[in-house]
Amino acid sequence: MIDEQALLLVLPILLLQLALMIFALVDLIKNPNPNGPKWMWAAIIVLLNIIGPILYFIIGRRNY
């Protein structure tokens, strides 16, 4: 079984990952003109876990 201490250490990271992914995907949907195709950014955000949303906010997002 999973150790409770390990779960308590991993849980905040998982919640941060989920929150970043949701926030980045919502921003991507609302963004009319990102740097690159939206399908590519959606794949990066979903597949690259914590790094994907951070890359989107640094590179992929344009100011409206």
C-alpha atoms as a PDB file:
ATOM      1  CA  MET A   1       0.000   0.000   0.000  1.00  0.00           C
ATOM      2  CA  ILE A   2       0.957   3.599  -0.395  1.00  0.00           C
ATOM      3  CA  ASP A   3       2.633   5.117   2.614  1.00  0.00           C
ATOM      4  CA  GLU A   4       0.641   8.020   4.095  1.00  0.00           C
ATOM      5  CA  GLN A   5       3.735  10.222   4.392  1.00  0.00           C
ATOM      6  CA  ALA A   6       4.574   9.731   0.735  1.00  0.00           C
ATOM      7  CA  LEU A   7       1.014  10.592  -0.229  1.00  0.00           C
ATOM      8  CA  LEU A   8       1.114  13.772   1.837  1.00  0.00           C
ATOM      9  CA  LEU A   9       4.329  14.793   0.068  1.00  0.00           C
ATOM     10  CA  VAL A  10       3.058  14.077  -3.444  1.00  0.00           C
ATOM     11  CA  LEU A  11      -0.475  15.432  -3.081  1.00  0.00           C
ATOM     12  CA  PRO A  12       0.429  19.171  -3.175  1.00  0.00           C
ATOM     13  CA  ILE A  13       2.526  18.614  -6.313  1.00  0.00           C
ATOM     14  CA  LEU A  14      -0.341  16.787  -8.014  1.00  0.00           C
ATOM     15  CA  LEU A  15      -2.793  19.535  -7.085  1.00  0.00           C
ATOM     16  CA  LEU A  16      -0.402  22.200  -8.393  1.00  0.00           C
ATOM     17  CA  GLN A  17       0.011  20.269 -11.636  1.00  0.00           C
ATOM     18  CA  LEU A  18      -3.749  19.923 -12.088  1.00  0.00           C
ATOM     19  CA  ALA A  19      -4.406  23.594 -11.301  1.00  0.00           C
ATOM     20  CA  LEU A  20      -1.692  24.778 -13.716  1.00  0.00           C
ATOM     21  CA  MET A  21      -2.997  22.511 -16.469  1.00  0.00           C
ATOM     22  CA  ILE A  22      -6.602  23.668 -16.074  1.00  0.00           C
ATOM     23  CA  PHE A  23      -5.633  27.348 -15.878  1.00  0.00           C
ATOM     24  CA  ALA A  24      -3.390  27.050 -18.952  1.00  0.00           C
ATOM     25  CA  LEU A  25      -6.031  25.194 -20.988  1.00  0.00           C
ATOM     26  CA  VAL A  26      -8.719  27.753 -20.112  1.00  0.00           C
ATOM     27  CA  ASP A  27      -6.362  30.582 -21.043  1.00  0.00           C
ATOM     28  CA  LEU A  28      -5.491  28.820 -24.305  1.00  0.00           C
ATOM     29  CA  ILE A  29      -9.177  28.465 -25.208  1.00  0.00           C
ATOM     30  CA  LYS A  30      -9.814  32.159 -24.505  1.00  0.00           C
ATOM     31  CA  ASN A  31      -6.656  33.331 -26.286  1.00  0.00           C
ATOM     32  CA  PRO A  32      -7.575  34.264 -29.873  1.00  0.00           C
ATOM     33  CA  ASN A  33      -3.995  34.292 -31.181  1.00  0.00           C
ATOM     34  CA  PRO A  34      -1.342  32.252 -29.310  1.00  0.00           C
ATOM     35  CA  ASN A  35       2.221  31.814 -30.568  1.00  0.00           C
ATOM     36  CA  GLY A  36       1.686  28.673 -32.650  1.00  0.00           C
ATOM     37  CA  PRO A  37      -1.247  26.360 -33.265  1.00  0.00           C
ATOM     38  CA  LYS A  38      -3.671  25.791 -30.418  1.00  0.00           C
ATOM     39  CA  TRP A  39      -3.617  22.001 -30.883  1.00  0.00           C
ATOM     40  CA  MET A  40       0.163  22.008 -30.378  1.00  0.00           C
ATOM     41  CA  TRP A  41      -0.064  24.037 -27.159  1.00  0.00           C
ATOM     42  CA  ALA A  42      -2.883  21.848 -25.860  1.00  0.00           C
ATOM     43  CA  ALA A  43      -0.719  18.754 -26.397  1.00  0.00           C
ATOM     44  CA  ILE A  44       2.279  20.393 -24.705  1.00  0.00           C
ATOM     45  CA  ILE A  45       0.175  21.513 -21.735  1.00  0.00           C
ATOM     46  CA  VAL A  46      -1.372  18.070 -21.211  1.00  0.00           C
ATOM     47  CA  LEU A  47       1.614  15.844 -21.982  1.00  0.00           C
ATOM     48  CA  LEU A  48       4.458  17.734 -20.300  1.00  0.00           C
ATOM     49  CA  ASN A  49       2.850  17.905 -16.844  1.00  0.00           C
ATOM     50  CA  ILE A  50       4.166  20.891 -14.836  1.00  0.00           C
ATOM     51  CA  ILE A  51       6.645  22.054 -17.504  1.00  0.00           C
ATOM     52  CA  GLY A  52       4.006  22.300 -20.292  1.00  0.00           C
ATOM     53  CA  PRO A  53       1.801  24.979 -18.700  1.00  0.00           C
ATOM     54  CA  ILE A  54       4.864  26.961 -17.635  1.00  0.00           C
ATOM     55  CA  LEU A  55       6.204  26.865 -21.207  1.00  0.00           C
ATOM     56  CA  TYR A  56       2.819  28.024 -22.497  1.00  0.00           C
ATOM     57  CA  PHE A  57       2.739  31.015 -20.143  1.00  0.00           C
ATOM     58  CA  ILE A  58       6.336  31.990 -20.990  1.00  0.00           C
ATOM     59  CA  ILE A  59       6.455  31.295 -24.752  1.00  0.00           C
ATOM     60  CA  GLY A  60       3.011  30.542 -26.139  1.00  0.00           C
ATOM     61  CA  ARG A  61       0.908  33.322 -24.699  1.00  0.00           C
ATOM     62  CA  ARG A  62       0.591  36.615 -26.520  1.00  0.00           C
ATOM     63  CA  ASN A  63      -0.818  39.761 -25.010  1.00  0.00           C
ATOM     64  CA  TYR A  64      -4.307  40.382 -26.296  1.00  0.00           C
END
